[in-house]
Amino acid sequence: MSEKKRFLLRIDDRVYTALEKWAADDLRSVNSQIEYVLQEALRRAGRFRTAGAAPPDSAGTAPGGPSRKST
């Protein structure tokens, strides 16, 4: 398992409270929930390769995903 990076995160109380509830609903720690949400956002944006996933196209989007480049 790779070593995890540590960093300080300043976050609004309302956002933290919502994350805390969401994490409890999903039986995760707040830290794990934040990591999950970030991974999902990165995956959806085509910026996070998972094992066996096709590489992003030349526009930087995941295959089949919308392009954000203006034409």
Protein backbone atom coordinates (compact mmCIF):
# COMPACT_ATOMS: atom_id res chain seq x y z
CA MET A 1 0.00 0.00 0.00
CA SER A 2 1.34 3.40 -0.91
CA GLU A 3 2.01 6.00 1.74
CA LYS A 4 -0.69 8.63 2.09
CA LYS A 5 0.07 12.36 1.99
CA ARG A 6 -0.88 14.50 4.96
CA PHE A 7 -2.00 18.10 4.71
CA LEU A 8 -4.02 20.61 6.66
CA LEU A 9 -7.51 21.35 5.35
CA ARG A 10 -9.46 24.38 6.49
CA ILE A 11 -13.14 23.82 5.90
CA ASP A 12 -16.35 25.67 6.66
CA ASP A 13 -18.28 24.32 9.69
CA ARG A 14 -21.44 23.73 7.63
CA VAL A 15 -19.52 21.76 5.00
CA TYR A 16 -17.81 19.68 7.68
CA THR A 17 -21.11 18.95 9.43
CA ALA A 18 -22.67 17.80 6.15
CA LEU A 19 -19.62 15.63 5.37
CA GLU A 20 -19.70 14.16 8.87
CA LYS A 21 -23.37 13.14 8.47
CA TRP A 22 -22.76 11.76 4.97
CA ALA A 23 -19.75 9.78 6.20
CA ALA A 24 -21.78 8.32 9.08
CA ASP A 25 -24.57 7.35 6.65
CA ASP A 26 -21.99 5.53 4.49
CA LEU A 27 -20.19 4.00 7.52
CA ARG A 28 -16.96 5.88 6.72
CA SER A 29 -14.73 8.28 8.61
CA VAL A 30 -14.84 11.92 7.53
CA ASN A 31 -11.33 11.52 6.10
CA SER A 32 -12.37 8.48 4.05
CA GLN A 33 -15.48 10.30 2.85
CA ILE A 34 -13.45 13.29 1.66
CA GLU A 35 -11.06 10.96 -0.18
CA TYR A 36 -14.01 9.10 -1.75
CA VAL A 37 -15.68 12.33 -2.90
CA LEU A 38 -12.43 13.64 -4.37
CA GLN A 39 -11.73 10.35 -6.19
CA GLU A 40 -15.23 10.32 -7.68
CA ALA A 41 -14.92 13.94 -8.81
CA LEU A 42 -11.53 13.23 -10.39
CA ARG A 43 -12.83 10.09 -12.09
CA ARG A 44 -15.87 11.90 -13.52
CA ALA A 45 -13.65 14.71 -14.79
CA GLY A 46 -11.37 12.18 -16.50
CA ARG A 47 -8.40 13.19 -14.35
CA PHE A 48 -8.03 10.00 -12.32
CA ARG A 49 -7.00 6.73 -13.91
CA THR A 50 -8.13 3.57 -12.19
CA ALA A 51 -6.65 0.15 -12.87
CA GLY A 52 -7.89 -1.13 -16.24
CA ALA A 53 -9.48 2.18 -17.23
CA ALA A 54 -8.91 3.58 -20.69
CA PRO A 55 -6.65 6.67 -20.80
CA PRO A 56 -8.24 10.09 -21.39
CA ASP A 57 -8.50 11.28 -24.98
CA SER A 58 -6.44 14.14 -26.39
CA ALA A 59 -8.93 16.68 -24.98
CA GLY A 60 -8.20 15.35 -21.48
CA THR A 61 -11.62 13.80 -20.98
CA ALA A 62 -12.51 10.23 -20.17
CA PRO A 63 -13.67 8.12 -23.11
CA GLY A 64 -17.32 8.88 -23.82
CA GLY A 65 -17.25 11.90 -21.52
CA PRO A 66 -18.08 15.44 -22.53
CA SER A 67 -15.29 17.70 -23.68
CA ARG A 68 -14.87 20.97 -21.83
CA LYS A 69 -12.69 22.53 -24.51
CA SER A 70 -14.32 25.38 -26.37
CA THR A 71 -14.31 25.25 -30.16
